């Protein structure tokens, strides 16, 4: 299904019944990143799982994106679907979109779940993101698969769960280059830690204890900055903690949502 919002067609999937729960995936993934959570929670929530601008079946216009733009895409989708308030969960880039949206459009989230993400990158990471974009443009997305999977999953998981790793590798390869490049322009510019005190909804921050992309300390910074936020650290998990340790992840998420 699609909606027209903020000048693009946004693909989304809707499943289940109950309070609204909106899911936002990481860079170079799609709605499929959340399969385990959709299966676990669609009996209790009406889940909207959407593809970010430049990813999956959503339009991928050329040019530089910003987190404000991506947050406004989300706002447009919520308006088009008639969703006044919802629980929101985002991982990595999805978490950045969630925090940005909460600051730009207060009152739409009833709770916020921020997974393996950050509210600030040091300026030194800029050249790293530029290098990744150059590689995607000159060699294609396939050239980024192996190095990305090394950051996203621990070595034991890469060895023991080849089907999972191959599936996520396929999502990386399938990401449009223009969409990847547009989002890579937005991500390293995030610097909102000092503003997070304005977020006044229940918040859970989840992170894998071996996440090299957005380490535990980045999650602690978010947890400290948002009043009353909780922090859950998942053992033996890297960047895609929801896929690497789904049982632990779902237990943390389920308890948090039950308490709401």
Protein backbone atom coordinates (compact mmCIF):
# COMPACT_ATOMS: atom_id res chain seq x y z
CA UNK A 1 0.00 0.00 0.00
CA UNK A 2 1.11 3.58 -0.65
CA UNK A 3 0.26 7.10 0.42
CA UNK A 4 1.27 10.38 -1.20
CA UNK A 5 3.05 12.53 1.38
CA UNK A 6 5.65 15.29 1.37
CA UNK A 7 6.02 15.06 -2.41
CA UNK A 8 6.72 11.30 -2.65
CA UNK A 9 4.91 7.95 -2.63
CA UNK A 10 5.56 6.16 0.66
CA UNK A 11 5.11 2.40 0.83
CA UNK A 12 3.69 0.97 4.04
CA UNK A 13 2.29 -2.28 5.38
CA UNK A 14 -0.47 -2.51 8.00
CA UNK A 15 -1.18 -5.51 10.16
CA UNK A 16 -2.92 -6.41 13.42
CA UNK A 17 -5.34 -4.61 15.70
CA UNK A 18 -5.11 -2.45 18.80
CA UNK A 19 -3.17 0.76 19.54
CA UNK A 20 -1.03 2.11 16.70
CA UNK A 21 2.65 1.05 16.59
CA UNK A 22 4.75 2.59 13.80
CA UNK A 23 8.09 1.02 12.80
CA UNK A 24 11.03 2.75 11.09
CA UNK A 25 13.96 0.70 9.77
CA UNK A 26 17.70 1.30 9.49
CA UNK A 27 19.70 2.61 6.56
CA UNK A 28 19.95 0.11 3.68
CA UNK A 29 17.07 -2.03 4.93
CA UNK A 30 13.29 -2.05 4.47
CA UNK A 31 10.10 -3.09 6.20
CA UNK A 32 11.43 -6.66 6.18
CA UNK A 33 13.88 -5.76 8.96
CA UNK A 34 10.97 -5.84 11.42
CA UNK A 35 9.48 -9.25 10.51
CA UNK A 36 10.14 -10.80 13.92
CA UNK A 37 8.56 -7.86 15.75
CA UNK A 38 5.52 -7.70 13.46
CA UNK A 39 4.91 -11.41 14.01
CA UNK A 40 5.28 -11.05 17.78
CA UNK A 41 3.17 -7.92 18.35
CA UNK A 42 0.47 -7.78 15.67
CA UNK A 43 -1.95 -9.56 18.01
CA UNK A 44 -1.78 -6.58 20.39
CA UNK A 45 -1.06 -3.61 18.15
CA UNK A 46 -2.09 -2.22 14.79
CA UNK A 47 1.34 -2.03 13.21
CA UNK A 48 2.32 0.35 10.42
CA UNK A 49 5.67 -0.67 8.95
CA UNK A 50 6.95 1.72 6.29
CA UNK A 51 9.86 2.13 3.88
CA UNK A 52 11.88 5.31 4.42
CA UNK A 53 12.44 7.70 1.51
CA UNK A 54 15.01 6.10 -0.80
CA UNK A 55 14.40 2.55 0.41
CA UNK A 56 12.30 -0.48 -0.42
CA UNK A 57 9.19 0.40 -2.40
CA UNK A 58 9.16 4.08 -1.40
CA UNK A 59 10.28 6.68 -3.96
CA UNK A 60 14.03 7.38 -4.12
CA UNK A 61 14.44 10.88 -5.56
CA UNK A 62 17.96 12.03 -6.31
CA UNK A 63 19.53 14.69 -4.12
CA UNK A 64 20.53 15.32 -0.55
CA UNK A 65 18.07 14.34 2.17
CA UNK A 66 17.87 15.73 5.70
CA UNK A 67 16.51 14.27 8.91
CA UNK A 68 13.95 17.08 8.98
CA UNK A 69 12.78 15.93 5.55
CA UNK A 70 12.55 12.31 6.65
CA UNK A 71 10.64 13.32 9.79
CA UNK A 72 8.23 15.33 7.66
CA UNK A 73 7.74 12.27 5.42
CA UNK A 74 6.66 10.39 8.54
CA UNK A 75 4.37 13.22 9.60
CA UNK A 76 2.75 13.27 6.16
CA UNK A 77 2.17 9.52 6.27
CA UNK A 78 0.59 9.70 9.74
CA UNK A 79 -1.70 12.49 8.55
CA UNK A 80 -2.66 10.58 5.41
CA UNK A 81 -3.52 7.48 7.45
CA UNK A 82 -5.44 9.45 10.06
CA UNK A 83 -3.13 8.43 12.91
CA UNK A 84 -3.37 11.06 15.63
CA UNK A 85 -1.13 9.33 18.19
CA UNK A 86 1.00 6.20 18.07
CA UNK A 87 3.79 4.30 19.71
CA UNK A 88 6.91 4.70 17.57
CA UNK A 89 9.92 2.40 17.25
CA UNK A 90 12.96 3.16 15.11
CA UNK A 91 16.35 1.51 14.77
CA UNK A 92 19.52 3.38 13.78
CA UNK A 93 18.38 5.86 11.11
CA UNK A 94 14.82 5.06 12.16
CA UNK A 95 15.60 6.15 15.70
CA UNK A 96 17.09 9.39 14.41
CA UNK A 97 13.91 10.02 12.43
CA UNK A 98 11.85 9.32 15.56
CA UNK A 99 13.78 11.76 17.74
CA UNK A 100 13.73 14.43 15.04
CA UNK A 101 9.99 13.96 14.55
CA UNK A 102 9.29 14.11 18.29
CA UNK A 103 11.05 17.49 18.41
CA UNK A 104 9.46 18.88 15.22
CA UNK A 105 5.95 17.53 15.79
CA UNK A 106 5.36 17.13 19.54
CA UNK A 107 2.23 15.32 20.67
CA UNK A 108 2.04 12.61 18.01
CA UNK A 109 3.89 9.87 19.91
CA UNK A 110 2.48 8.20 23.00
CA UNK A 111 5.80 6.44 23.54
CA UNK A 112 9.17 6.23 21.85
CA UNK A 113 11.44 3.19 21.41
CA UNK A 114 14.92 4.10 20.14
CA UNK A 115 17.11 1.17 19.11
CA UNK A 116 20.83 1.11 18.29
CA UNK A 117 20.87 4.77 17.37
CA UNK A 118 22.48 8.07 18.26
CA UNK A 119 21.58 11.70 18.80
CA UNK A 120 25.02 12.94 17.76
CA UNK A 121 27.95 11.82 15.63
CA UNK A 122 31.39 13.40 16.04
CA UNK A 123 32.45 15.51 13.03
CA UNK A 124 35.26 13.06 12.30
CA UNK A 125 32.81 10.49 10.92
CA UNK A 126 31.95 12.70 7.92
CA UNK A 127 34.65 11.32 5.61
CA UNK A 128 33.60 7.75 6.46
CA UNK A 129 30.10 8.39 5.17
CA UNK A 130 31.47 10.15 2.08
CA UNK A 131 33.63 7.12 1.36
CA UNK A 132 30.62 4.81 1.57
CA UNK A 133 28.64 6.98 -0.83
CA UNK A 134 31.53 7.07 -3.29
CA UNK A 135 31.80 3.29 -3.14
CA UNK A 136 28.08 2.88 -3.76
CA UNK A 137 28.17 5.24 -6.74
CA UNK A 138 31.28 3.75 -8.35
CA UNK A 139 30.94 0.06 -7.48
CA UNK A 140 27.27 -0.44 -6.65
CA UNK A 141 25.58 -1.35 -3.37
CA UNK A 142 26.95 -4.88 -3.51
CA UNK A 143 30.41 -3.54 -2.67
CA UNK A 144 29.12 -2.41 0.74
CA UNK A 145 27.50 -5.67 1.79
CA UNK A 146 30.35 -7.50 3.53
CA UNK A 147 31.65 -4.54 5.54
CA UNK A 148 28.13 -3.56 6.57
CA UNK A 149 27.24 -7.05 7.74
CA UNK A 150 30.42 -7.14 9.83
CA UNK A 151 29.16 -4.07 11.70
CA UNK A 152 25.58 -5.23 11.96
CA UNK A 153 26.06 -8.75 13.32
CA UNK A 154 28.53 -10.34 15.72
CA UNK A 155 30.89 -12.93 14.32
CA UNK A 156 29.12 -15.89 16.02
CA UNK A 157 25.84 -14.87 14.39
CA UNK A 158 27.44 -14.43 10.97
CA UNK A 159 28.77 -17.98 11.26
CA UNK A 160 25.75 -19.69 12.79
CA UNK A 161 22.85 -17.94 10.99
CA UNK A 162 23.86 -17.64 7.33
CA UNK A 163 20.23 -17.46 6.15
CA UNK A 164 19.58 -14.35 8.25
CA UNK A 165 22.83 -12.69 7.21
CA UNK A 166 22.19 -13.48 3.55
CA UNK A 167 18.65 -12.07 3.77
CA UNK A 168 19.86 -8.77 5.20
CA UNK A 169 22.70 -8.68 2.68
CA UNK A 170 20.04 -8.87 -0.01
CA UNK A 171 18.27 -5.83 1.43
CA UNK A 172 21.52 -3.87 1.39
CA UNK A 173 22.18 -4.82 -2.24
CA UNK A 174 18.64 -3.88 -3.26
CA UNK A 175 18.76 -0.38 -1.75
CA UNK A 176 18.69 2.28 -4.50
CA UNK A 177 22.02 4.08 -4.71
CA UNK A 178 20.32 7.49 -4.79
CA UNK A 179 18.31 6.63 -1.69
CA UNK A 180 21.38 5.40 0.15
CA UNK A 181 23.36 8.49 -0.83
CA UNK A 182 20.55 10.84 0.11
CA UNK A 183 20.22 9.33 3.59
CA UNK A 184 24.01 9.21 4.06
CA UNK A 185 23.97 12.96 3.62
CA UNK A 186 21.47 13.32 6.48
CA UNK A 187 22.70 10.82 9.06
CA UNK A 188 26.15 12.15 10.06
CA UNK A 189 24.75 15.66 10.58
CA UNK A 190 22.58 14.67 13.53
CA UNK A 191 23.37 16.78 16.61
CA UNK A 192 20.29 17.00 18.83
CA UNK A 193 21.41 15.69 22.23
CA UNK A 194 21.02 19.10 23.86
CA UNK A 195 17.41 19.31 22.61
CA UNK A 196 16.20 15.93 23.82
CA UNK A 197 15.06 17.27 27.18
CA UNK A 198 11.98 18.59 25.36
CA UNK A 199 10.76 15.03 24.67
CA UNK A 200 8.13 14.32 27.31
CA UNK A 201 6.83 10.85 26.39
CA UNK A 202 7.84 7.49 27.92
CA UNK A 203 11.01 6.38 26.14
CA UNK A 204 12.90 3.10 25.96
CA UNK A 205 16.44 3.05 24.54
CA UNK A 206 17.69 -0.38 23.40
CA UNK A 207 21.22 -1.21 22.23
CA UNK A 208 23.33 -4.28 21.53
CA UNK A 209 26.33 -4.52 23.84
CA UNK A 210 28.65 -5.12 20.86
CA UNK A 211 27.24 -2.47 18.52
CA UNK A 212 30.24 -0.79 16.81
CA UNK A 213 28.14 1.63 14.75
CA UNK A 214 26.22 3.30 17.57
CA UNK A 215 27.93 2.05 20.75
CA UNK A 216 26.31 1.73 24.16
CA UNK A 217 27.66 5.11 25.26
CA UNK A 218 25.63 6.83 22.55
CA UNK A 219 22.49 5.18 23.88
CA UNK A 220 23.40 6.21 27.42
CA UNK A 221 23.68 9.81 26.22
CA UNK A 222 20.14 9.61 24.82
CA UNK A 223 18.81 7.94 27.96
CA UNK A 224 20.33 10.64 30.16
CA UNK A 225 19.03 13.47 27.96
CA UNK A 226 15.37 12.36 27.76
CA UNK A 227 13.61 12.75 31.12
CA UNK A 228 12.65 9.37 32.60
CA UNK A 229 14.01 7.33 29.70
CA UNK A 230 14.89 3.68 30.30
CA UNK A 231 17.93 1.86 28.89
CA UNK A 232 18.10 -1.80 27.92
CA UNK A 233 21.40 -3.36 26.83
CA UNK A 234 21.15 -6.65 24.93
CA UNK A 235 24.03 -9.11 25.39
CA UNK A 236 25.72 -10.73 22.40
CA UNK A 237 24.20 -8.35 19.87
CA UNK A 238 25.63 -5.80 17.46
CA UNK A 239 23.76 -3.15 15.44
CA UNK A 240 20.63 -5.08 14.39
CA UNK A 241 19.84 -6.22 17.92
CA UNK A 242 16.18 -6.87 17.03
CA UNK A 243 17.28 -9.57 14.59
CA UNK A 244 20.32 -10.94 16.38
CA UNK A 245 18.58 -11.47 19.74
CA UNK A 246 14.85 -11.26 18.91
CA UNK A 247 13.63 -13.04 22.04
CA UNK A 248 15.48 -10.68 24.40
CA UNK A 249 14.57 -7.66 22.29
CA UNK A 250 10.89 -8.59 22.16
CA UNK A 251 10.79 -9.23 25.91
CA UNK A 252 12.17 -5.73 26.62
CA UNK A 253 9.79 -4.17 24.12
CA UNK A 254 6.80 -6.14 25.38
CA UNK A 255 7.35 -5.17 29.01
CA UNK A 256 7.79 -1.51 28.10
CA UNK A 257 4.62 -1.41 26.03
CA UNK A 258 2.67 -3.35 28.65
CA UNK A 259 3.62 -0.76 31.27
CA UNK A 260 2.24 1.96 29.06
